[in-house]
Protein backbone atom coordinates (compact mmCIF):
# COMPACT_ATOMS: atom_id res chain seq x y z
CA UNK A 1 20.47 -4.15 1.71
CA UNK A 2 17.75 -2.07 3.67
CA UNK A 3 16.36 -0.88 0.29
CA UNK A 4 15.95 -4.55 -0.77
CA UNK A 5 14.20 -5.49 2.53
CA UNK A 6 11.70 -2.52 2.19
CA UNK A 7 10.87 -3.46 -1.41
CA UNK A 8 10.49 -7.15 -0.51
CA UNK A 9 8.25 -6.30 2.36
CA UNK A 10 6.05 -4.08 0.26
CA UNK A 11 5.65 -6.63 -2.47
CA UNK A 12 5.02 -9.48 -0.03
CA UNK A 13 2.41 -7.58 1.84
CA UNK A 14 0.94 -6.33 -1.42
CA UNK A 15 -0.35 -9.83 -2.06
CA UNK A 16 -2.79 -9.41 0.81
CA UNK A 17 -4.69 -6.87 -1.18
CA UNK A 18 -6.51 -9.60 -2.96
CA UNK A 19 -8.78 -9.89 0.11
CA UNK A 20 -9.85 -6.34 -0.29
CA UNK A 21 -12.55 -5.09 -2.81
CA UNK A 22 -10.76 -3.81 -5.87
CA UNK A 23 -11.34 -0.06 -5.45
CA UNK A 24 -7.63 0.90 -5.73
CA UNK A 25 -6.72 3.74 -7.94
CA UNK A 26 -5.52 2.10 -11.23
CA UNK A 27 -6.47 -1.26 -9.89
CA UNK A 28 -3.99 -3.79 -8.48
CA UNK A 29 -0.96 -2.04 -10.06
CA UNK A 30 -1.86 1.02 -8.23
CA UNK A 31 -1.99 -0.98 -5.01
CA UNK A 32 1.47 -2.32 -5.76
CA UNK A 33 2.87 1.20 -6.28
CA UNK A 34 1.29 2.35 -3.10
CA UNK A 35 2.66 -0.52 -1.18
CA UNK A 36 6.15 -0.13 -2.45
CA UNK A 37 6.27 3.62 -2.16
CA UNK A 38 4.84 3.38 1.42
CA UNK A 39 7.20 0.78 2.53
CA UNK A 40 10.23 2.61 1.06
CA UNK A 41 9.33 5.98 2.74
CA UNK A 42 8.70 4.76 6.22
CA UNK A 43 11.58 2.36 6.08
CA UNK A 44 14.02 5.11 4.99
CA UNK A 45 12.66 7.54 7.49
CA UNK A 46 13.12 5.09 10.31
CA UNK A 47 16.60 4.18 9.00
CA UNK A 48 17.63 7.91 8.99
CA UNK A 49 16.17 8.63 12.41
CA UNK A 50 18.21 5.81 13.85
CA UNK A 51 21.38 6.91 12.21
CA UNK A 52 22.07 3.70 10.38
CA UNK A 53 23.52 3.26 6.83
CA UNK A 54 21.68 1.44 4.10
CA UNK A 55 23.90 -1.66 4.62
CA UNK A 56 22.76 -2.21 8.23
CA UNK A 57 19.78 -4.42 8.47
CA UNK A 58 17.90 -6.10 11.36
CA UNK A 59 14.23 -6.81 12.40
CA UNK A 60 13.74 -3.04 12.89
CA UNK A 61 14.42 -2.57 9.20
CA UNK A 62 11.70 -5.11 8.41
CA UNK A 63 9.12 -3.79 10.85
CA UNK A 64 9.62 -0.22 9.72
CA UNK A 65 8.25 -0.90 6.39
CA UNK A 66 4.98 -2.23 7.62
CA UNK A 67 3.30 0.96 8.62
CA UNK A 68 4.25 2.57 5.39
CA UNK A 69 2.67 -0.18 3.43
CA UNK A 70 -0.44 0.21 5.31
CA UNK A 71 -0.54 3.93 4.71
CA UNK A 72 0.43 3.69 1.08
CA UNK A 73 -2.21 1.08 0.37
CA UNK A 74 -4.78 3.02 2.29
CA UNK A 75 -4.13 6.24 0.46
CA UNK A 76 -4.39 4.49 -2.96
CA UNK A 77 -7.58 2.84 -1.93
CA UNK A 78 -8.96 6.06 -0.65
CA UNK A 79 -8.22 7.88 -3.97
CA UNK A 80 -9.74 5.03 -6.04
CA UNK A 81 -12.92 4.76 -3.86
CA UNK A 82 -13.48 8.54 -4.20
CA UNK A 83 -12.93 8.47 -7.93
CA UNK A 84 -15.27 5.55 -8.46
CA UNK A 85 -18.70 6.71 -9.78
CA UNK A 86 -21.73 5.76 -7.61
CA UNK A 87 -23.46 2.60 -8.48
CA UNK A 88 -26.61 2.86 -10.42
CA UNK A 89 -29.78 2.42 -8.53
CA UNK A 90 -31.55 -1.00 -9.28
CA UNK A 91 -34.75 -0.92 -11.24
CA UNK A 92 -37.71 -2.03 -9.36
CA UNK A 93 -40.71 -3.74 -10.88
CA UNK A 94 -42.98 -0.59 -10.24
CA UNK A 95 -40.54 1.43 -12.48
CA UNK A 96 -39.97 -1.31 -15.16
C-alpha cells in the first residue's frame, strides 16, 4: 500500500506544475516522471529507515513522498532549463 500512496502523492502534486513555466525536460511528461520517481525514492528511503514493511501506511508515508516530489521536479526543471536554447534578441527599429 505504501507504493500506491507514494505514486498517488507524486501524481497529485504533479498537477501543481501547471503553475510553473514549461521548461521541464520533455515537457509535462518529464515533470510527471520526475514527480513519480522522486516521490517513490524518498518514500521508500524513509520506509526502509523506519524499518516498516510496504503494507504499513500512516501519515509519515504520505509526508515522506513530498520532499522527493520537490527534488524530482526541480531536477527535471533544471535539466530542461539548461537544455533550452537562449531566446533570440528582439529586433529594434534601428537594426530593422
